[in-house]
Protein backbone atom coordinates (compact mmCIF):
# COMPACT_ATOMS: atom_id res chain seq x y z
CA MET A 1 25.95 12.57 -7.88
CA ARG A 2 23.93 14.54 -10.63
CA GLY A 3 21.41 13.53 -13.10
CA GLU A 4 18.71 14.32 -15.55
CA LEU A 5 16.11 12.58 -17.56
CA ARG A 6 16.58 12.91 -21.30
CA ASP A 7 13.58 12.90 -23.56
CA ASP A 8 14.54 12.48 -27.17
CA GLY A 9 11.71 11.66 -28.87
CA GLY A 10 10.53 8.10 -27.94
CA CYS A 11 13.72 7.44 -26.09
CA HIS A 12 13.42 8.71 -22.51
CA GLU A 13 17.17 8.52 -20.86
CA LEU A 14 17.97 8.57 -17.32
CA HIS A 15 21.54 9.70 -16.90
CA ALA A 16 23.30 9.85 -13.67
CA ARG A 17 26.83 11.94 -14.01
CA GLY A 18 29.43 10.63 -12.18
CA GLY A 19 30.91 7.06 -12.47
CA LEU A 20 30.05 4.27 -10.14
CA PRO A 21 33.11 2.53 -8.88
CA GLY A 22 34.08 -0.63 -10.40
CA GLN A 23 31.91 -0.64 -13.35
CA GLY A 24 34.44 -0.54 -16.16
CA ASP A 25 33.47 0.11 -19.66
CA ARG A 26 30.74 -2.61 -20.15
CA VAL A 27 27.00 -2.84 -21.10
CA ARG A 28 24.66 -4.86 -19.05
CA ARG A 29 20.78 -5.13 -20.18
CA HIS A 30 18.03 -6.39 -18.07
CA GLY A 31 14.82 -7.22 -19.52
CA SER A 32 13.69 -6.79 -23.12
CA THR A 33 14.62 -4.15 -25.66
CA PRO A 34 11.80 -1.67 -24.35
CA LEU A 35 13.44 -1.33 -20.93
CA ARG A 36 16.98 -1.32 -20.89
CA LEU A 37 19.24 -0.72 -17.65
CA ARG A 38 22.88 -0.10 -18.78
CA THR A 39 25.68 0.37 -16.65
CA GLU A 40 28.74 2.28 -18.25
CA GLN A 41 32.16 3.89 -17.05
CA ARG A 42 30.20 7.26 -17.39
CA GLY A 43 27.37 6.28 -14.96
CA LEU A 44 23.92 4.85 -14.98
CA PHE A 45 21.60 4.86 -17.74
CA LEU A 46 18.01 4.08 -17.76
CA THR A 47 16.68 3.98 -21.26
CA GLU A 48 12.86 3.70 -22.31
CA ALA A 49 12.48 2.69 -26.16
CA SER A 50 10.95 0.28 -28.30
CA SER A 51 13.93 -0.46 -30.26
CA PRO A 52 17.69 -0.10 -30.02
CA ASP A 53 17.73 3.08 -31.83
CA GLY A 54 15.07 4.51 -29.66
CA VAL A 55 12.26 4.74 -32.03
CA ARG A 56 8.85 3.67 -31.14
CA GLU A 57 7.23 0.86 -32.90
CA PRO A 58 3.69 1.58 -34.12
CA ARG A 59 0.93 0.44 -31.60
CA ARG A 60 -1.69 -0.05 -34.09
CA ARG A 61 -2.47 -3.86 -34.61
CA PRO A 62 -5.35 -5.43 -36.40
CA ARG A 63 -8.90 -5.19 -34.58
CA MET A 64 -10.17 -8.56 -32.92
CA ARG A 65 -12.58 -10.52 -35.11
CA PRO A 66 -14.33 -12.55 -32.70
CA ASP A 67 -15.72 -15.72 -34.47
CA ILE A 68 -17.56 -16.95 -31.16
CA PRO A 69 -20.67 -19.02 -31.18
CA ASN A 70 -23.15 -17.19 -29.23
CA ASP A 71 -24.25 -20.20 -27.42
CA LYS A 72 -20.69 -20.61 -25.69
CA VAL A 73 -20.89 -16.93 -24.82
CA ILE A 74 -24.35 -17.26 -23.05
CA ARG A 75 -23.28 -20.67 -21.36
CA TYR A 76 -19.94 -19.31 -19.81
CA LEU A 77 -22.17 -16.16 -18.76
CA LYS A 78 -24.67 -18.43 -17.10
CA PHE A 79 -21.87 -20.35 -15.30
CA ILE A 80 -20.19 -16.82 -13.94
CA GLU A 81 -23.78 -16.26 -12.68
CA PHE A 82 -23.82 -19.50 -11.02
CA THR A 83 -20.78 -19.28 -9.17
CA ARG A 84 -21.71 -15.94 -7.75
CA ARG A 85 -24.98 -17.42 -6.55
CA HIS A 86 -23.33 -20.54 -5.14
CA PRO A 87 -20.02 -19.69 -3.94
CA ARG A 88 -19.52 -22.36 -1.45
CA LEU A 89 -20.64 -25.22 -3.67
CA CYS A 90 -18.26 -23.83 -6.19
CA ARG A 91 -15.49 -23.90 -3.87
CA LEU A 92 -16.17 -27.56 -3.02
CA ALA A 93 -16.25 -28.45 -6.62
CA LEU A 94 -12.90 -26.58 -7.23
CA HIS A 95 -11.17 -28.37 -4.09
CA LEU A 96 -12.36 -31.84 -5.68
CA ALA A 97 -11.35 -30.87 -9.28
CA GLN A 98 -7.87 -29.96 -8.03
CA ARG A 99 -7.27 -33.15 -6.70
CA ILE A 100 -7.43 -34.73 -10.13
CA PRO A 101 -4.21 -33.70 -12.04
CA GLY A 102 -5.41 -33.69 -15.31
CA LEU A 103 -8.52 -31.56 -14.26
CA LYS A 104 -6.56 -29.15 -12.63
CA LYS A 105 -4.24 -28.32 -15.47
CA ALA A 106 -7.22 -28.24 -18.01
CA LEU A 107 -9.15 -25.56 -15.98
CA PRO A 108 -8.22 -22.06 -17.12
CA VAL A 109 -7.16 -19.65 -14.48
CA SER A 110 -10.27 -17.49 -14.69
CA THR A 111 -12.51 -20.53 -14.26
CA ARG A 112 -10.55 -21.43 -11.10
CA ILE A 113 -11.11 -17.89 -9.81
CA TYR A 114 -14.65 -17.67 -10.55
CA MET A 115 -15.01 -20.78 -8.44
CA GLY A 116 -13.16 -19.43 -5.48
CA GLY A 117 -9.60 -20.08 -6.04
CA ARG A 118 -6.77 -17.61 -6.06
CA ILE A 119 -4.04 -16.48 -8.37
CA LEU A 120 -1.27 -17.92 -6.03
CA GLU A 121 -2.60 -21.50 -6.63
CA SER A 122 -1.95 -20.86 -10.54
CA TYR A 123 1.72 -19.85 -10.09
CA ARG A 124 4.34 -22.42 -11.40
CA VAL A 125 7.13 -22.55 -9.06
CA ASP A 126 10.54 -24.09 -10.04
CA LEU A 127 12.47 -24.54 -6.85
CA GLU A 128 15.59 -25.92 -8.59
CA ARG A 129 15.76 -22.95 -10.74
CA GLY A 130 14.54 -20.42 -8.28
CA GLU A 131 11.73 -19.08 -10.70
CA ILE A 132 7.95 -18.19 -10.37
CA SER A 133 5.82 -17.74 -13.57
CA PHE A 134 2.25 -17.02 -14.25
CA ALA A 135 0.71 -17.51 -17.68
CA GLY A 136 4.04 -17.86 -19.23
CA VAL A 137 5.30 -14.66 -17.54
CA ASP A 138 8.08 -14.71 -15.03
CA ARG A 139 7.53 -13.07 -11.83
CA GLN A 140 9.34 -11.91 -8.58
CA ILE A 141 7.87 -11.21 -4.98
CA VAL A 142 9.12 -8.09 -3.66
CA GLY A 143 7.91 -6.07 -0.69
CA SER A 144 5.83 -3.19 -1.43
CA GLU A 145 8.51 -0.83 0.19
CA PHE A 146 10.41 -1.58 -3.01
CA LEU A 147 8.26 1.09 -4.91
CA GLU A 148 9.27 3.51 -2.02
CA VAL A 149 12.73 2.71 -2.08
CA THR A 150 12.83 3.04 -5.69
CA PHE A 151 11.36 6.40 -6.01
CA ARG A 152 13.27 8.13 -3.39
CA ASN A 153 16.48 6.86 -4.40
CA ILE A 154 15.91 7.91 -7.97
CA ALA A 155 14.44 11.39 -6.90
CA GLU A 156 17.52 11.67 -4.73
CA LEU A 157 19.40 11.32 -8.03
CA VAL A 158 17.65 13.44 -10.36
CA GLY A 159 14.98 15.16 -8.63
CA ARG A 160 11.25 14.44 -7.79
CA GLU A 161 9.95 15.82 -11.28
CA GLU A 162 12.27 13.17 -13.25
CA ALA A 163 11.63 10.42 -10.87
CA ARG A 164 7.88 10.65 -11.62
CA LYS A 165 8.49 10.37 -15.39
CA THR A 166 10.95 7.52 -14.55
CA MET A 167 8.48 5.51 -12.27
CA TYR A 168 5.71 6.07 -14.92
CA TYR A 169 7.73 4.94 -18.25
CA MET A 170 9.39 2.05 -16.03
CA HIS A 171 5.98 0.52 -14.96
CA PHE A 172 4.39 1.32 -18.60
CA ARG A 173 7.21 -0.84 -20.25
CA ALA A 174 6.89 -3.45 -17.65
CA MET A 175 3.01 -3.85 -17.92
CA GLU A 176 3.18 -3.68 -21.67
CA GLU A 177 5.78 -6.57 -21.82
CA GLN A 178 3.81 -8.51 -19.32
CA LEU A 179 0.54 -8.36 -21.42
CA LYS A 180 2.45 -9.24 -24.53
CA ASP A 181 3.88 -12.38 -23.00
CA LEU A 182 0.94 -13.46 -21.32
CA ASP A 183 -0.50 -16.82 -22.53
CA VAL A 184 -4.30 -15.87 -22.63
CA ARG A 185 -5.34 -19.45 -23.49
CA SER A 186 -4.13 -20.27 -19.83
CA VAL A 187 -6.01 -17.57 -18.33
CA PHE A 188 -9.27 -17.73 -19.98
CA PRO A 189 -11.24 -20.56 -21.96
CA ALA A 190 -9.93 -21.54 -25.43
CA PHE A 191 -13.11 -19.77 -27.04
CA CYS A 192 -12.62 -16.77 -25.46
CA ALA A 193 -8.87 -16.13 -26.10
CA PRO A 194 -9.50 -14.33 -29.43
CA LEU A 195 -11.12 -11.53 -27.49
CA PHE A 196 -7.68 -10.60 -26.03
CA ARG A 197 -5.26 -11.34 -28.73
CA GLU A 198 -5.99 -8.34 -30.79
CA PRO A 199 -7.40 -5.07 -29.88
CA VAL A 200 -11.00 -4.69 -28.90
CA ASP A 201 -13.41 -3.91 -31.61
CA SER A 202 -15.91 -1.92 -29.87
CA GLU A 203 -18.57 -1.98 -32.97
CA SER A 204 -18.50 -5.92 -32.78
CA LEU A 205 -19.34 -5.58 -28.92
CA GLU A 206 -21.95 -2.87 -29.65
CA ASN A 207 -23.83 -5.34 -32.03
CA ASN A 208 -23.68 -8.18 -29.48
CA PRO A 209 -24.77 -7.35 -25.98
CA SER A 210 -24.01 -10.79 -24.73
CA LEU A 211 -20.59 -10.74 -26.07
CA ALA A 212 -20.08 -7.28 -24.65
CA ARG A 213 -20.93 -8.37 -21.29
CA LEU A 214 -18.73 -11.52 -21.42
CA TYR A 215 -15.93 -9.20 -22.53
CA GLY A 216 -16.45 -6.59 -19.58
CA GLU A 217 -16.36 -9.62 -17.07
CA LEU A 218 -13.14 -11.16 -18.65
CA GLU A 219 -11.61 -7.79 -18.88
CA THR A 220 -12.63 -7.32 -15.28
CA MET A 221 -10.95 -10.67 -14.36
CA LEU A 222 -7.60 -9.54 -16.14
CA LEU A 223 -7.71 -6.56 -14.16
CA ARG A 224 -8.07 -8.50 -10.95
CA LEU A 225 -5.16 -10.92 -12.02
CA LEU A 226 -2.77 -8.23 -12.71
CA PHE A 227 -3.56 -5.84 -10.04
CA ASN A 228 -5.87 -7.04 -7.06
CA GLU A 229 -4.27 -10.28 -6.96
CA SER A 230 -0.97 -9.13 -7.28
CA GLY A 231 -0.87 -6.71 -4.57
CA TRP A 232 -0.93 -3.31 -6.53
CA GLY A 233 -4.46 -2.17 -5.09
CA SER A 234 -8.21 -2.61 -6.42
CA PRO A 235 -8.93 -0.80 -9.79
CA ARG A 236 -12.34 0.08 -11.15
CA PHE A 237 -13.13 1.05 -14.63
CA ASP A 238 -16.19 3.71 -15.05
CA ARG A 239 -17.07 1.53 -18.22
CA THR A 240 -15.86 -0.93 -20.42
CA PRO A 241 -14.13 -1.82 -22.71
CA VAL A 242 -12.15 1.22 -22.74
CA PRO A 243 -12.37 3.51 -19.57
CA GLU A 244 -12.18 7.34 -19.23
CA LYS A 245 -11.79 7.08 -15.51
CA VAL A 246 -10.24 4.64 -13.24
CA THR A 247 -10.72 4.59 -9.37
CA VAL A 248 -8.25 2.68 -7.50
CA ARG A 249 -8.56 1.58 -3.64
CA ASN A 250 -5.57 0.94 -1.73
CA SER A 251 -3.00 1.89 -4.48
CA VAL A 252 0.33 0.55 -2.94
CA GLU A 253 2.05 3.70 -3.82
CA SER A 254 -0.40 5.98 -1.86
CA LEU A 255 0.13 3.60 1.32
CA TRP A 256 3.89 4.04 1.17
CA ILE A 257 4.88 7.42 -0.39
CA ARG A 258 2.78 9.57 2.11
CA PRO A 259 1.70 12.01 3.23
CA SER A 260 1.87 14.13 0.16
CA GLU A 261 0.47 17.52 -1.11
CA GLU A 262 0.17 15.78 -4.74
CA PRO A 263 -0.63 12.55 -6.33
CA VAL A 264 2.18 10.12 -5.91
CA CYS A 265 0.76 7.04 -7.94
CA TYR A 266 3.36 7.14 -10.84
CA ALA A 267 3.78 3.34 -11.21
CA MET A 268 -0.14 2.83 -11.08
CA ALA A 269 -0.63 5.42 -13.91
CA GLY A 270 2.07 3.87 -16.10
CA SER A 271 0.76 0.53 -15.59
CA LEU A 272 -3.00 1.59 -16.47
CA ALA A 273 -1.90 3.45 -19.24
CA ALA A 274 -0.10 0.28 -20.68
CA PHE A 275 -3.02 -1.80 -19.88
CA VAL A 276 -5.61 0.53 -21.87
CA SER A 277 -3.01 0.99 -24.84
CA HIS A 278 -2.63 -2.83 -24.93
CA ILE A 279 -6.48 -3.63 -25.25
CA THR A 280 -7.08 -0.74 -27.71
CA GLY A 281 -4.08 -1.16 -29.70
CA GLU A 282 -3.71 2.95 -29.72
CA SER A 283 -1.59 4.87 -27.38
CA TYR A 284 -3.15 6.03 -24.05
CA VAL A 285 -1.78 8.03 -21.19
CA ALA A 286 -3.01 7.99 -17.59
CA ARG A 287 -3.14 11.20 -15.17
CA GLU A 288 -3.99 10.93 -11.49
CA THR A 289 -6.22 13.60 -10.41
CA ARG A 290 -6.46 12.75 -6.80
CA CYS A 291 -4.70 10.70 -4.67
CA ALA A 292 -5.20 8.77 -1.03
CA ALA A 293 -1.67 10.06 -0.14
CA ALA A 294 -2.79 13.58 -0.34
CA GLY A 295 -5.99 12.90 1.83
CA ALA A 296 -8.63 11.61 -0.66
CA PRO A 297 -10.66 8.55 -0.02
CA ASP A 298 -9.14 6.81 -3.09
CA CYS A 299 -7.26 7.45 -6.01
CA THR A 300 -8.55 8.73 -9.21
CA PHE A 301 -7.06 8.46 -12.77
CA VAL A 302 -8.21 9.87 -16.04
CA LEU A 303 -7.12 7.95 -19.35
CA GLU A 304 -6.77 9.93 -22.42
CA LYS A 305 -5.55 8.92 -25.95
CA GLU A 306 -2.17 10.24 -26.66
CA GLY A 307 -2.03 13.10 -29.40
C-alpha cells in the first residue's frame, strides 16, 4: 500500500492508495471538523482542516480585558506562596475538605493541585457509559507506546517525512480542540477565568506586575495539567506569557522512538504550537532543535509566529 500527504493550503490530506477490504463506499468521521478520519472505498484519508471545505478559520480573537480586583490577585498569590511553604498542612486541609462533598466540588482544580492534589482526583468517571472526562473534555487513557505504534505505522504507509507532518498536525488539532472545550471555571477560581477565555493581552500584564505574576503561575499550572500530569513530559517555558523556547524533560516520544539521529517529538511540537497559538490568538509553529532521542539531555523547541 502506497500513499502520500497532500498539502492543499489549509487542508493536509493523508491518502493511502489501495482500498482496505470491506470498507464499502462510506464515510466515517471521528472527532470534530478540524480533524477528520474518513474511510472510503478508495483508501484512508486523514484530513486536517478547520471547515468542511478545508479553509482555515481565522485565529485572531478579541484580546482579554481583565477586570479583576487587584486585592483578589494578591490574595491568591499569597495563597500559592503559603501552599509552597506549608505543603504538609495544605495536604491535610485538602484531605479534610474532600470529605465534605459540597466543598470538594467547589474547589477549583488548580486550588486542589496547589494544596497537594493530583489531576486524576479531578477526573469524572462514568462507569456505566465507560467515559472519563476532565473539566468538560472527554479523555481516554492509552499506553505511551501508542505514539510509537502510530508513528511507525504511518511511516510504513507514507514514509517518515509525511509521518512527521501527520503526527504534528494531528496533535496540534487535538490540543487546539481540547483547549477550546476546556471549562476554565472548573480549572481556575472564577475571578481568574477571564484571563484564559481570550488571548493574552501582554500590555495589561506589563502594566500590572501582580497580574503578570498570577498569569504566569496559572499558565504554568495549565501546562502541568495538560502535559506533566497527563504523562507527556515536563515542559518549561523560557518566559511567560509567550515563550520563545520550551525545554521538555522526559518527552514521551523521545523515550519510545529512539535511538534517532534527528529530533522525533513531532506530537509534542504540534501540541506546544497549539498551546501557544491558543493563548496568543495567533498562529505559531514549533520546531524541535535538539532531542533526547538523539542523545541530548532534554528536548528543546523553538516557537515562532507563522508567516
